[in-house]
Structure formats: structure tokens, C-alpha cells
C-alpha atoms as a PDB file:
ATOM      1  CA  MET A   1      16.583  -6.857  37.510  1.00  0.00           C
ATOM      2  CA  ALA A   2      15.916  -3.019  36.248  1.00  0.00           C
ATOM      3  CA  ASP A   3      13.238  -1.012  36.215  1.00  0.00           C
ATOM      4  CA  PRO A   4      11.458  -1.341  32.594  1.00  0.00           C
ATOM      5  CA  THR A   5      10.712   2.320  33.466  1.00  0.00           C
ATOM      6  CA  ASN A   6      13.958   3.235  34.238  1.00  0.00           C
ATOM      7  CA  VAL A   7      15.474   2.086  31.120  1.00  0.00           C
ATOM      8  CA  THR A   8      13.657   3.017  28.947  1.00  0.00           C
ATOM      9  CA  SER A   9      13.668   6.720  29.893  1.00  0.00           C
ATOM     10  CA  SER A  10      17.882   6.173  29.829  1.00  0.00           C
ATOM     11  CA  PHE A  11      17.586   4.791  26.131  1.00  0.00           C
ATOM     12  CA  ASN A  12      15.285   7.661  25.122  1.00  0.00           C
ATOM     13  CA  GLN A  13      17.691  10.041  26.520  1.00  0.00           C
ATOM     14  CA  THR A  14      20.405   7.961  25.144  1.00  0.00           C
ATOM     15  CA  CYS A  15      19.867   6.293  22.000  1.00  0.00           C
ATOM     16  CA  ASP A  16      16.270   7.815  20.739  1.00  0.00           C
ATOM     17  CA  PRO A  17      17.540  11.610  19.441  1.00  0.00           C
ATOM     18  CA  VAL A  18      14.865  13.759  18.065  1.00  0.00           C
ATOM     19  CA  PHE A  19      15.190  16.396  15.227  1.00  0.00           C
ATOM     20  CA  PRO A  20      12.616  18.429  14.728  1.00  0.00           C
ATOM     21  CA  SER A  21      13.336  20.227  11.823  1.00  0.00           C
ATOM     22  CA  VAL A  22      13.208  16.209  10.482  1.00  0.00           C
ATOM     23  CA  ASN A  23       9.711  16.310  11.896  1.00  0.00           C
ATOM     24  CA  ILE A  24       8.199  19.396  10.064  1.00  0.00           C
ATOM     25  CA  PHE A  25       9.983  18.406   6.561  1.00  0.00           C
ATOM     26  CA  PHE A  26       7.679  15.268   7.771  1.00  0.00           C
ATOM     27  CA  VAL A  27       4.645  16.922   8.441  1.00  0.00           C
ATOM     28  CA  LEU A  28       5.051  19.125   5.131  1.00  0.00           C
ATOM     29  CA  VAL A  29       5.988  15.820   2.451  1.00  0.00           C
ATOM     30  CA  TYR A  30       2.877  13.791   4.299  1.00  0.00           C
ATOM     31  CA  SER A  31       0.068  16.512   3.832  1.00  0.00           C
ATOM     32  CA  LEU A  32       1.011  17.344   0.344  1.00  0.00           C
ATOM     33  CA  VAL A  33       1.053  13.550  -0.301  1.00  0.00           C
ATOM     34  CA  PHE A  34      -2.674  13.616   1.412  1.00  0.00           C
ATOM     35  CA  LEU A  35      -4.186  16.178  -0.183  1.00  0.00           C
ATOM     36  CA  VAL A  36      -2.688  14.850  -3.756  1.00  0.00           C
ATOM     37  CA  GLY A  37      -4.222  11.353  -2.571  1.00  0.00           C
ATOM     38  CA  LEU A  38      -7.184  12.477  -1.080  1.00  0.00           C
ATOM     39  CA  LEU A  39      -8.236  14.479  -4.748  1.00  0.00           C
ATOM     40  CA  LEU A  40      -6.780  11.466  -7.146  1.00  0.00           C
ATOM     41  CA  ASN A  41      -8.657   8.673  -4.891  1.00  0.00           C
ATOM     42  CA  GLY A  42     -11.821  11.005  -4.781  1.00  0.00           C
ATOM     43  CA  PHE A  43     -11.811  11.096  -8.171  1.00  0.00           C
ATOM     44  CA  ILE A  44     -11.198   8.149  -8.795  1.00  0.00           C
ATOM     45  CA  LEU A  45     -13.963   6.765  -6.140  1.00  0.00           C
ATOM     46  CA  LYS A  46     -16.635   9.037  -7.312  1.00  0.00           C
ATOM     47  CA  PHE A  47     -16.378   7.086 -10.775  1.00  0.00           C
ATOM     48  CA  TYR A  48     -16.693   3.669  -8.711  1.00  0.00           C
ATOM     49  CA  ILE A  49     -19.958   6.132  -7.026  1.00  0.00           C
ATOM     50  CA  GLY A  50     -21.083   6.512 -10.534  1.00  0.00           C
ATOM     51  CA  GLN A  51     -20.611   2.578 -11.473  1.00  0.00           C
ATOM     52  CA  ALA A  52     -22.737   1.555  -8.486  1.00  0.00           C
ATOM     53  CA  GLN A  53     -25.615   0.060 -10.156  1.00  0.00           C
ATOM     54  CA  GLN A  54     -24.141  -2.038 -12.854  1.00  0.00           C
ATOM     55  CA  GLN A  55     -22.556  -4.812 -11.465  1.00  0.00           C
ATOM     56  CA  ALA A  56     -18.546  -5.579 -11.815  1.00  0.00           C
ATOM     57  CA  SER A  57     -18.028  -6.849 -15.471  1.00  0.00           C
ATOM     58  CA  SER A  58     -14.260  -8.576 -14.694  1.00  0.00           C
ATOM     59  CA  SER A  59     -12.442  -9.746 -11.748  1.00  0.00           C
ATOM     60  CA  LEU A  60     -10.378  -7.452 -12.979  1.00  0.00           C
ATOM     61  CA  MET A  61     -12.572  -4.605 -11.764  1.00  0.00           C
ATOM     62  CA  VAL A  62     -13.348  -6.138  -8.292  1.00  0.00           C
ATOM     63  CA  TYR A  63      -9.273  -5.754  -8.066  1.00  0.00           C
ATOM     64  CA  LEU A  64      -8.963  -2.566  -8.750  1.00  0.00           C
ATOM     65  CA  LYS A  65     -11.617  -1.639  -6.490  1.00  0.00           C
ATOM     66  CA  ASN A  66     -10.519  -2.727  -3.606  1.00  0.00           C
ATOM     67  CA  LEU A  67      -6.906  -1.405  -4.431  1.00  0.00           C
ATOM     68  CA  THR A  68      -9.121   1.785  -4.361  1.00  0.00           C
ATOM     69  CA  ALA A  69     -10.512   1.221  -1.581  1.00  0.00           C
ATOM     70  CA  ALA A  70      -6.781   0.229   0.031  1.00  0.00           C
ATOM     71  CA  ASP A  71      -5.516   3.793  -1.096  1.00  0.00           C
ATOM     72  CA  PHE A  72      -8.582   5.981  -0.322  1.00  0.00           C
ATOM     73  CA  LEU A  73      -8.152   4.499   3.724  1.00  0.00           C
ATOM     74  CA  LEU A  74      -4.776   4.979   3.968  1.00  0.00           C
ATOM     75  CA  CYS A  75      -5.192   8.635   2.882  1.00  0.00           C
ATOM     76  CA  LEU A  76      -7.703   8.729   5.601  1.00  0.00           C
ATOM     77  CA  SER A  77      -4.942   7.355   8.264  1.00  0.00           C
ATOM     78  CA  LEU A  78      -3.070   9.893   7.286  1.00  0.00           C
ATOM     79  CA  PRO A  79      -3.922  13.450   9.187  1.00  0.00           C
ATOM     80  CA  LEU A  80      -2.788  11.193  12.567  1.00  0.00           C
ATOM     81  CA  ARG A  81       0.424  10.522  11.147  1.00  0.00           C
ATOM     82  CA  ILE A  82       0.768  13.989  10.921  1.00  0.00           C
ATOM     83  CA  ALA A  83      -0.821  14.771  13.853  1.00  0.00           C
ATOM     84  CA  ASN A  84       1.910  12.191  15.306  1.00  0.00           C
ATOM     85  CA  TYR A  85       5.084  13.547  13.503  1.00  0.00           C
ATOM     86  CA  GLY A  86       3.931  17.841  14.948  1.00  0.00           C
ATOM     87  CA  SER A  87       2.513  17.036  18.315  1.00  0.00           C
ATOM     88  CA  LYS A  88       4.259  16.430  21.104  1.00  0.00           C
ATOM     89  CA  SER A  89       0.651  14.953  23.031  1.00  0.00           C
ATOM     90  CA  PHE A  90       1.339  11.336  24.609  1.00  0.00           C
ATOM     91  CA  ILE A  91      -2.590  11.377  24.005  1.00  0.00           C
ATOM     92  CA  ILE A  92      -2.249  11.887  20.073  1.00  0.00           C
ATOM     93  CA  GLN A  93       1.189   8.789  20.827  1.00  0.00           C
ATOM     94  CA  ARG A  94      -0.323   6.073  22.301  1.00  0.00           C
ATOM     95  CA  LEU A  95      -3.635   6.847  19.869  1.00  0.00           C
ATOM     96  CA  TYR A  96      -1.345   7.027  16.284  1.00  0.00           C
ATOM     97  CA  CYS A  97       0.338   4.054  18.400  1.00  0.00           C
ATOM     98  CA  SER A  98      -2.453   1.320  18.987  1.00  0.00           C
ATOM     99  CA  CYS A  99      -4.685   1.862  16.142  1.00  0.00           C
ATOM    100  CA  GLY A 100      -2.968   4.849  13.441  1.00  0.00           C
ATOM    101  CA  THR A 101      -0.049   2.120  13.087  1.00  0.00           C
ATOM    102  CA  SER A 102      -2.211  -0.761  12.482  1.00  0.00           C
ATOM    103  CA  ALA A 103      -4.279   0.696  10.170  1.00  0.00           C
ATOM    104  CA  PHE A 104      -1.652   2.286   7.966  1.00  0.00           C
ATOM    105  CA  TYR A 105       0.248  -0.510   7.954  1.00  0.00           C
ATOM    106  CA  MET A 106      -2.593  -2.766   7.047  1.00  0.00           C
ATOM    107  CA  ASN A 107      -3.923  -0.827   3.980  1.00  0.00           C
ATOM    108  CA  ILE A 108       0.012  -0.222   2.990  1.00  0.00           C
ATOM    109  CA  TYR A 109      -0.410  -4.880   2.570  1.00  0.00           C
ATOM    110  CA  ALA A 110      -4.128  -4.123   0.965  1.00  0.00           C
ATOM    111  CA  SER A 111      -2.147  -1.963  -1.702  1.00  0.00           C
ATOM    112  CA  ILE A 112       0.860  -4.574  -2.335  1.00  0.00           C
ATOM    113  CA  ILE A 113      -1.713  -7.583  -2.199  1.00  0.00           C
ATOM    114  CA  PHE A 114      -4.362  -6.437  -4.879  1.00  0.00           C
ATOM    115  CA  MET A 115      -1.131  -5.191  -7.166  1.00  0.00           C
ATOM    116  CA  CYS A 116      -0.919  -9.090  -7.011  1.00  0.00           C
ATOM    117  CA  TYR A 117      -3.577 -10.073  -8.161  1.00  0.00           C
ATOM    118  CA  ILE A 118      -4.022  -7.572 -10.480  1.00  0.00           C
ATOM    119  CA  ALA A 119      -0.946  -8.809 -12.346  1.00  0.00           C
ATOM    120  CA  ALA A 120      -1.588 -12.444 -11.878  1.00  0.00           C
ATOM    121  CA  ASN A 121      -5.131 -11.570 -13.366  1.00  0.00           C
ATOM    122  CA  ARG A 122      -3.910  -9.761 -16.660  1.00  0.00           C
ATOM    123  CA  TYR A 123      -0.546 -12.423 -16.584  1.00  0.00           C
ATOM    124  CA  ARG A 124      -3.649 -15.131 -17.229  1.00  0.00           C
ATOM    125  CA  LYS A 125      -5.295 -13.349 -19.673  1.00  0.00           C
ATOM    126  CA  ILE A 126      -1.985 -13.603 -22.006  1.00  0.00           C
ATOM    127  CA  VAL A 127      -2.104 -17.058 -20.859  1.00  0.00           C
ATOM    128  CA  HIS A 128      -4.918 -17.877 -22.011  1.00  0.00           C
ATOM    129  CA  PRO A 129      -6.437 -15.592 -24.008  1.00  0.00           C
ATOM    130  CA  SER A 130      -9.723 -17.432 -24.457  1.00  0.00           C
ATOM    131  CA  GLY A 131     -10.543 -19.514 -21.633  1.00  0.00           C
ATOM    132  CA  THR A 132     -11.764 -18.476 -18.221  1.00  0.00           C
ATOM    133  CA  HIS A 133     -10.403 -20.073 -15.460  1.00  0.00           C
ATOM    134  CA  VAL A 134     -12.914 -20.129 -12.119  1.00  0.00           C
ATOM    135  CA  LEU A 135     -10.729 -18.508 -10.119  1.00  0.00           C
ATOM    136  CA  GLN A 136     -10.780 -14.817 -12.723  1.00  0.00           C
ATOM    137  CA  SER A 137     -14.504 -15.492 -12.340  1.00  0.00           C
ATOM    138  CA  VAL A 138     -16.201 -12.204 -10.265  1.00  0.00           C
ATOM    139  CA  ARG A 139     -17.633 -14.251  -7.953  1.00  0.00           C
ATOM    140  CA  ALA A 140     -14.050 -16.093  -6.935  1.00  0.00           C
ATOM    141  CA  ALA A 141     -12.349 -12.362  -6.811  1.00  0.00           C
ATOM    142  CA  HIS A 142     -15.248 -10.513  -4.078  1.00  0.00           C
ATOM    143  CA  ILE A 143     -14.419 -14.300  -2.614  1.00  0.00           C
ATOM    144  CA  ILE A 144     -10.662 -14.105  -2.711  1.00  0.00           C
ATOM    145  CA  SER A 145     -11.030 -10.256  -1.642  1.00  0.00           C
ATOM    146  CA  MET A 146     -13.124 -10.376   1.096  1.00  0.00           C
ATOM    147  CA  VAL A 147     -10.922 -13.358   2.583  1.00  0.00           C
ATOM    148  CA  THR A 148      -7.708 -10.766   1.994  1.00  0.00           C
ATOM    149  CA  TRP A 149      -9.701  -8.225   4.102  1.00  0.00           C
ATOM    150  CA  VAL A 150      -9.785 -10.925   6.309  1.00  0.00           C
ATOM    151  CA  PHE A 151      -6.592 -11.791   6.700  1.00  0.00           C
ATOM    152  CA  LEU A 152      -5.440  -8.254   7.520  1.00  0.00           C
ATOM    153  CA  LEU A 153      -7.619  -7.104   9.697  1.00  0.00           C
ATOM    154  CA  ALA A 154      -7.032 -10.104  11.974  1.00  0.00           C
ATOM    155  CA  PRO A 155      -3.833  -8.838  13.150  1.00  0.00           C
ATOM    156  CA  SER A 156      -4.384  -5.269  13.213  1.00  0.00           C
ATOM    157  CA  LEU A 157      -6.995  -5.796  15.717  1.00  0.00           C
ATOM    158  CA  THR A 158      -5.379  -8.347  17.986  1.00  0.00           C
ATOM    159  CA  TYR A 159      -2.538  -5.600  18.072  1.00  0.00           C
ATOM    160  CA  SER A 160      -4.484  -2.723  18.729  1.00  0.00           C
ATOM    161  CA  ILE A 161      -6.236  -4.509  21.473  1.00  0.00           C
ATOM    162  CA  LEU A 162      -3.002  -6.494  23.100  1.00  0.00           C
ATOM    163  CA  PHE A 163      -1.709  -2.650  22.404  1.00  0.00           C
ATOM    164  CA  PHE A 164      -4.302  -1.695  25.324  1.00  0.00           C
ATOM    165  CA  ILE A 165      -4.038  -4.226  28.007  1.00  0.00           C
ATOM    166  CA  THR A 166      -0.390  -4.407  28.192  1.00  0.00           C
ATOM    167  CA  GLU A 167       0.789  -1.062  26.953  1.00  0.00           C
ATOM    168  CA  LYS A 168       3.552   0.202  29.589  1.00  0.00           C
ATOM    169  CA  PRO A 169       3.340   3.015  31.331  1.00  0.00           C
ATOM    170  CA  LEU A 170       5.979   6.008  30.926  1.00  0.00           C
ATOM    171  CA  THR A 171       7.250   9.188  32.580  1.00  0.00           C
ATOM    172  CA  PHE A 172       7.962  10.921  29.302  1.00  0.00           C
ATOM    173  CA  THR A 173       6.268  10.911  25.876  1.00  0.00           C
ATOM    174  CA  PRO A 174       8.398   8.914  23.395  1.00  0.00           C
ATOM    175  CA  SER A 175       9.063   9.504  19.851  1.00  0.00           C
ATOM    176  CA  ARG A 176       8.527   6.472  18.768  1.00  0.00           C
ATOM    177  CA  CYS A 177       6.469   3.546  19.270  1.00  0.00           C
ATOM    178  CA  GLU A 178       8.581   1.101  20.569  1.00  0.00           C
ATOM    179  CA  PRO A 179       9.030   1.946  23.891  1.00  0.00           C
ATOM    180  CA  LEU A 180       5.180   1.918  24.588  1.00  0.00           C
ATOM    181  CA  PHE A 181       5.636  -2.061  24.072  1.00  0.00           C
ATOM    182  CA  SER A 182       5.526  -4.702  26.272  1.00  0.00           C
ATOM    183  CA  ALA A 183       7.288  -7.591  25.554  1.00  0.00           C
ATOM    184  CA  SER A 184       4.126  -9.736  24.194  1.00  0.00           C
ATOM    185  CA  ILE A 185       3.510  -6.956  22.303  1.00  0.00           C
ATOM    186  CA  SER A 186       6.952  -6.397  20.769  1.00  0.00           C
ATOM    187  CA  LEU A 187       6.551 -10.580  20.703  1.00  0.00           C
ATOM    188  CA  LEU A 188       4.101  -9.951  18.046  1.00  0.00           C
ATOM    189  CA  PHE A 189       5.670  -6.908  16.240  1.00  0.00           C
ATOM    190  CA  LYS A 190       8.346  -9.098  14.968  1.00  0.00           C
ATOM    191  CA  ILE A 191       6.242 -11.988  14.099  1.00  0.00           C
ATOM    192  CA  VAL A 192       4.140  -9.800  11.710  1.00  0.00           C
ATOM    193  CA  HIS A 193       6.541  -7.584  10.621  1.00  0.00           C
ATOM    194  CA  THR A 194       8.330 -10.955   9.229  1.00  0.00           C
ATOM    195  CA  LEU A 195       5.737 -12.228   7.857  1.00  0.00           C
ATOM    196  CA  CYS A 196       4.693  -9.363   6.249  1.00  0.00           C
ATOM    197  CA  SER A 197       8.342  -9.231   4.698  1.00  0.00           C
ATOM    198  CA  ILE A 198       7.740 -12.666   3.327  1.00  0.00           C
ATOM    199  CA  ILE A 199       4.541 -11.604   1.697  1.00  0.00           C
ATOM    200  CA  PHE A 200       6.695  -9.080  -0.007  1.00  0.00           C
ATOM    201  CA  LEU A 201       8.940 -11.226  -0.701  1.00  0.00           C
ATOM    202  CA  LEU A 202       6.460 -13.103  -2.541  1.00  0.00           C
ATOM    203  CA  VAL A 203       4.312 -10.385  -4.520  1.00  0.00           C
ATOM    204  CA  PHE A 204       7.581  -8.814  -5.327  1.00  0.00           C
ATOM    205  CA  ILE A 205       8.728 -12.509  -6.953  1.00  0.00           C
ATOM    206  CA  SER A 206       5.517 -12.998  -8.596  1.00  0.00           C
ATOM    207  CA  LEU A 207       5.820  -9.572 -10.377  1.00  0.00           C
ATOM    208  CA  VAL A 208       8.732 -10.453 -12.082  1.00  0.00           C
ATOM    209  CA  PHE A 209       8.055 -13.367 -12.813  1.00  0.00           C
ATOM    210  CA  PHE A 210       4.917 -12.401 -14.955  1.00  0.00           C
ATOM    211  CA  TYR A 211       7.032  -9.493 -16.333  1.00  0.00           C
ATOM    212  CA  TYR A 212       9.641 -11.956 -17.479  1.00  0.00           C
ATOM    213  CA  SER A 213       6.836 -14.409 -18.810  1.00  0.00           C
ATOM    214  CA  THR A 214       5.172 -11.434 -20.630  1.00  0.00           C
ATOM    215  CA  SER A 215       8.267  -9.996 -22.450  1.00  0.00           C
ATOM    216  CA  ARG A 216       9.090 -13.463 -23.705  1.00  0.00           C
ATOM    217  CA  ARG A 217       5.767 -13.742 -25.096  1.00  0.00           C
ATOM    218  CA  VAL A 218       6.435 -10.844 -27.013  1.00  0.00           C
ATOM    219  CA  LEU A 219       9.385 -11.616 -27.860  1.00  0.00           C
ATOM    220  CA  GLN A 220       7.872 -14.959 -29.122  1.00  0.00           C
ATOM    221  CA  ALA A 221       4.709 -13.446 -30.839  1.00  0.00           C
ATOM    222  CA  GLN A 222       7.168 -10.716 -32.919  1.00  0.00           C
ATOM    223  CA  GLN A 223       9.212 -13.474 -34.028  1.00  0.00           C
ATOM    224  CA  ARG A 224       6.761 -15.298 -35.480  1.00  0.00           C
ATOM    225  CA  ARG A 225       4.867 -12.316 -36.624  1.00  0.00           C
ATOM    226  CA  LEU A 226       1.705 -12.960 -35.119  1.00  0.00           C
ATOM    227  CA  ALA A 227      -1.194 -10.410 -35.392  1.00  0.00           C
ATOM    228  CA  SER A 228      -1.818 -10.423 -31.442  1.00  0.00           C
ATOM    229  CA  SER A 229       1.844  -9.168 -30.958  1.00  0.00           C
ATOM    230  CA  GLU A 230       0.402  -5.470 -30.567  1.00  0.00           C
ATOM    231  CA  LYS A 231      -1.868  -6.281 -28.286  1.00  0.00           C
ATOM    232  CA  LEU A 232       0.964  -8.362 -26.169  1.00  0.00           C
ATOM    233  CA  VAL A 233       2.684  -5.014 -26.894  1.00  0.00           C
ATOM    234  CA  LYS A 234       0.797  -3.505 -24.789  1.00  0.00           C
ATOM    235  CA  SER A 235       0.265  -6.130 -21.789  1.00  0.00           C
ATOM    236  CA  ARG A 236       4.042  -5.965 -21.439  1.00  0.00           C
ATOM    237  CA  ARG A 237       3.385  -2.333 -21.381  1.00  0.00           C
ATOM    238  CA  ASN A 238       0.832  -2.227 -18.198  1.00  0.00           C
ATOM    239  CA  MET A 239       2.997  -5.179 -16.454  1.00  0.00           C
ATOM    240  CA  LEU A 240       5.955  -2.322 -16.894  1.00  0.00           C
ATOM    241  CA  VAL A 241       4.018  -0.141 -15.251  1.00  0.00           C
ATOM    242  CA  LEU A 242       2.413  -1.539 -12.233  1.00  0.00           C
ATOM    243  CA  VAL A 243       6.404  -3.542 -11.694  1.00  0.00           C
ATOM    244  CA  SER A 244       7.762   0.293 -11.583  1.00  0.00           C
ATOM    245  CA  ILE A 245       5.429   1.520  -8.818  1.00  0.00           C
ATOM    246  CA  PHE A 246       5.241  -1.227  -6.695  1.00  0.00           C
ATOM    247  CA  CYS A 247       9.106  -1.011  -6.688  1.00  0.00           C
ATOM    248  CA  VAL A 248       9.145   2.451  -6.763  1.00  0.00           C
ATOM    249  CA  CYS A 249       7.366   1.994  -3.828  1.00  0.00           C
ATOM    250  CA  PHE A 250       7.618  -1.014  -1.542  1.00  0.00           C
ATOM    251  CA  VAL A 251      11.504  -2.199  -2.007  1.00  0.00           C
ATOM    252  CA  PRO A 252      13.024   0.576  -0.477  1.00  0.00           C
ATOM    253  CA  TYR A 253      10.852   0.008   2.384  1.00  0.00           C
ATOM    254  CA  HIS A 254      11.657  -3.495   3.040  1.00  0.00           C
ATOM    255  CA  LEU A 255      14.469  -3.708   2.612  1.00  0.00           C
ATOM    256  CA  VAL A 256      15.878  -1.337   5.393  1.00  0.00           C
ATOM    257  CA  ARG A 257      12.301  -2.935   7.468  1.00  0.00           C
ATOM    258  CA  LEU A 258      13.618  -6.294   9.321  1.00  0.00           C
ATOM    259  CA  PRO A 259      17.092  -4.205  10.322  1.00  0.00           C
ATOM    260  CA  GLY A 260      14.936  -1.838  11.797  1.00  0.00           C
ATOM    261  CA  THR A 261      12.216  -4.343  13.736  1.00  0.00           C
ATOM    262  CA  PHE A 262      15.240  -6.107  14.768  1.00  0.00           C
ATOM    263  CA  LEU A 263      17.600  -3.477  15.571  1.00  0.00           C
ATOM    264  CA  TRP A 264      16.137  -0.369  16.931  1.00  0.00           C
ATOM    265  CA  ASN A 265      16.857  -0.742  20.576  1.00  0.00           C
ATOM    266  CA  SER A 266      20.593  -0.555  18.977  1.00  0.00           C
ATOM    267  CA  CYS A 267      22.460   2.741  20.434  1.00  0.00           C
ATOM    268  CA  SER A 268      24.727   2.874  17.348  1.00  0.00           C
ATOM    269  CA  VAL A 269      22.318   2.192  14.717  1.00  0.00           C
ATOM    270  CA  GLY A 270      19.046   2.030  15.729  1.00  0.00           C
ATOM    271  CA  PRO A 271      18.461   6.150  15.599  1.00  0.00           C
ATOM    272  CA  VAL A 272      19.730   5.890  11.999  1.00  0.00           C
ATOM    273  CA  LEU A 273      17.207   3.308  11.442  1.00  0.00           C
ATOM    274  CA  TYR A 274      14.576   4.974  12.946  1.00  0.00           C
ATOM    275  CA  TYR A 275      14.912   7.587  10.389  1.00  0.00           C
ATOM    276  CA  LEU A 276      16.015   5.616   7.288  1.00  0.00           C
ATOM    277  CA  LYS A 277      12.841   3.531   7.810  1.00  0.00           C
ATOM    278  CA  GLU A 278      10.795   6.744   8.576  1.00  0.00           C
ATOM    279  CA  VAL A 279      12.517   7.723   5.063  1.00  0.00           C
ATOM    280  CA  ALA A 280      10.978   4.643   3.034  1.00  0.00           C
ATOM    281  CA  ILE A 281       7.735   4.613   4.360  1.00  0.00           C
ATOM    282  CA  MET A 282       7.279   8.141   3.199  1.00  0.00           C
ATOM    283  CA  VAL A 283       8.594   7.017   0.100  1.00  0.00           C
ATOM    284  CA  SER A 284       5.940   4.095  -0.243  1.00  0.00           C
ATOM    285  CA  VAL A 285       2.731   6.268   0.469  1.00  0.00           C
ATOM    286  CA  PHE A 286       3.548   7.822  -2.483  1.00  0.00           C
ATOM    287  CA  ASN A 287       1.589   4.638  -3.796  1.00  0.00           C
ATOM    288  CA  ILE A 288      -1.634   6.338  -3.361  1.00  0.00           C
ATOM    289  CA  CYS A 289      -0.573   8.842  -5.845  1.00  0.00           C
ATOM    290  CA  LEU A 290       0.808   7.237  -8.528  1.00  0.00           C
ATOM    291  CA  ASP A 291      -1.661   3.881  -8.488  1.00  0.00           C
ATOM    292  CA  PRO A 292      -4.361   6.234 -10.468  1.00  0.00           C
ATOM    293  CA  VAL A 293      -1.845   5.199 -12.947  1.00  0.00           C
ATOM    294  CA  VAL A 294      -2.778   1.924 -13.099  1.00  0.00           C
ATOM    295  CA  TYR A 295      -6.453   2.840 -13.696  1.00  0.00           C
ATOM    296  CA  LEU A 296      -5.686   4.302 -16.279  1.00  0.00           C
ATOM    297  CA  PHE A 297      -3.476   1.548 -18.306  1.00  0.00           C
ATOM    298  CA  PHE A 298      -5.606  -1.411 -16.957  1.00  0.00           C
ATOM    299  CA  CYS A 299      -9.008  -0.375 -16.529  1.00  0.00           C
ATOM    300  CA  LYS A 300     -10.555   0.886 -20.590  1.00  0.00           C
ATOM    301  CA  THR A 301     -13.410   2.411 -18.437  1.00  0.00           C
ATOM    302  CA  PHE A 302     -12.096   4.573 -16.556  1.00  0.00           C
ATOM    303  CA  TRP A 303     -10.098   5.922 -19.281  1.00  0.00           C
ATOM    304  CA  ALA A 304     -12.614   6.785 -21.475  1.00  0.00           C
ATOM    305  CA  GLN A 305     -14.929   7.862 -18.506  1.00  0.00           C
ATOM    306  CA  VAL A 306     -11.512  10.231 -18.163  1.00  0.00           C
ATOM    307  CA  ARG A 307     -11.755  11.062 -22.073  1.00  0.00           C
ATOM    308  CA  LYS A 308     -15.642  11.584 -21.676  1.00  0.00           C
ATOM    309  CA  MET A 309     -15.151  14.483 -19.103  1.00  0.00           C
ATOM    310  CA  SER A 310     -12.759  16.043 -20.533  1.00  0.00           C
ATOM    311  CA  ARG A 311     -14.904  16.314 -23.795  1.00  0.00           C
ATOM    312  CA  ARG A 312     -17.211  17.964 -21.982  1.00  0.00           C
ATOM    313  CA  VAL A 313     -15.337  21.048 -20.662  1.00  0.00           C
ATOM    314  CA  ASP A 314     -14.365  21.509 -24.269  1.00  0.00           C
ATOM    315  CA  ASP A 315     -17.792  20.300 -26.158  1.00  0.00           C
ATOM    316  CA  PRO A 316     -21.110  20.023 -23.444  1.00  0.00           C
ATOM    317  CA  ASN A 317     -23.181  18.503 -25.603  1.00  0.00           C
ATOM    318  CA  GLU A 318     -20.722  15.994 -27.491  1.00  0.00           C
ATOM    319  CA  GLN A 319     -21.264  12.795 -26.417  1.00  0.00           C
ATOM    320  CA  THR A 320     -18.685   9.350 -26.210  1.00  0.00           C
ATOM    321  CA  ASN A 321     -19.369   5.296 -26.157  1.00  0.00           C
ATOM    322  CA  GLU A 322     -17.327   4.259 -24.070  1.00  0.00           C
ATOM    323  CA  PRO A 323     -15.583   0.677 -24.340  1.00  0.00           C
ATOM    324  CA  GLY A 324     -15.210  -1.929 -21.951  1.00  0.00           C
ATOM    325  CA  GLU A 325     -12.585  -3.417 -19.678  1.00  0.00           C
END
């Protein structure tokens, strides 16, 4: 049987080209996204801290707060990713591959799942505007959010612990994490990636269904000339914003994710799939800059706070009443 180190070294030399100019591009783009995302999500976080003395008024606010937390944590995980692109240090590479990737992807999928919760919450509100389902209660929203974080945290911790226990010894610094994977980590990696792809597919189908159903209700209300048609049009617009952000950020990545997971060690397509995946991941990270648009459309309290702050700049003595969610 061939020595794994020699095999991996051979693969690194023949199938794993490194383009420094591309890495510089990634460093610059991720640095810009980090600064913009930190500014926007820091502002939203400040808003929620200002509301800390008040209990969440609705399940929607609970999900919005968790989406904020996921985006902010994702933003905090970017410096390690940037350092990995800009440095040739094996210590940084090892730290990134063991902890950085798990934290990065955990918060990516937290954003995906909580976007689905927000859409489902608004859809339920449209279908039953006067009724309150048990799953729409604030208590249920807290429980669902906690279970979601535990569900995401468990495989992330398992991956990080297993990585340190079974890490393969190398004589070189790889440009990506896969050469560091043992057989058990590679298997776990593929299983988790497959499950994440299933989660994405289920969320994508759900969002399309929610938007389609909302559009049908808008059309029916307009044909019957109902008084609620204007409100439904706004709900459809809000749903369209959410679905559009989801598609722009996450669809490209998942189109190349599964092929990249199973064909990374192919000399013919592996390097191409690697850089396609890296570009798609970069696009998905733009989510932290686009999610503030979700807060503006879905949270009236947040929008009122923004308007109030802008008016204070023009007139410090002016006061504005904030509408509820």
C-alpha cells in the first residue's frame, strides 16, 4: 500500500495548483465584506441591545434576532478565513481547517434555516391573519431556535474534535483542507455536506411554495377587490425580498458543492471545482450584507428606529412614535 503522505504530496504537486493572485483577490473581497457586514450587523445588534429590556413581542422578532446572531457570528469567522488566504502558515491552516470551517458553515446554515422560519412565520400570518398557532408563540419560537442551534452545533463540534484526533501528518502546507482529512473525517465531511444539501433543498422548495402561495392569494384578493389586497401585496413584496436574497446568495454555492465534495481529488476537474466553489462561497457570504434589507422590510420597529435616528440628525428635539411589529 502506498504511503498516504507521499500520495498526498504527489496530489498537491500535480492536481492542487495555487494561484497567489486569486488568493489576493479573495483577501480583498472578504476584507471588504467583513468591514461592511460588521458595520451593518453591529448597527442591528445595537438596536436589539437597546430593546434588551423588552421581551420579544412576537415569534418573528425571535427569528430575526437569531438571524442577526448567525450573521454576526459569521462575520466574526471571516478574519480567520482571510488569514488562511493570505498566509502560508501551517498553524493558521490547521486552525482554519479544524475550527474555522466548522464555525463558518454552521452560521451559513443557521442563516438559511432562520430565513426559512421567517418566511414560514409570515406565510402562516397570511393564511390565518386572525388566528395564532401554537408554533407562532414566542415560547415556541425560543424552543425551535434553541433546538436549531443545538442541531447545528453538534456536528460542528464533532468535526473539530475528530479532526484533532485523527489529523494526518503532512510534510507540506496544503492549499486546502482535504489533504489533512483522515478517512473518518472524509466520510463525516461527505455525510454532513450531503445532509446540508438536503436542508438547503427543503428550504428552497419551502420558500418557493410560500412565495407562490402568497402570490396566488394576492391575485385572488385583487380579483375579488378585497380591502386586504394592499396588505397582501406588501406581504408578497416582503416574501420576494427574502426569496431573492436566498437565491442570489445560496443557490450558486449548492450547485457546485456536491460535485466539489466528491470530486475534489480528481486531477481533471478537482482544481476547477475548487475555485468555482470558493467563488460561490464568497457570493454566499454577501448574505451578511444583504440581510439588513430583511429587517427593514419585516420589522416595523427596526424601520421606525432607523427613521427616528435619521430624524434626530435633522432635528434633535423631534420625537417619533415607534409602531409595533
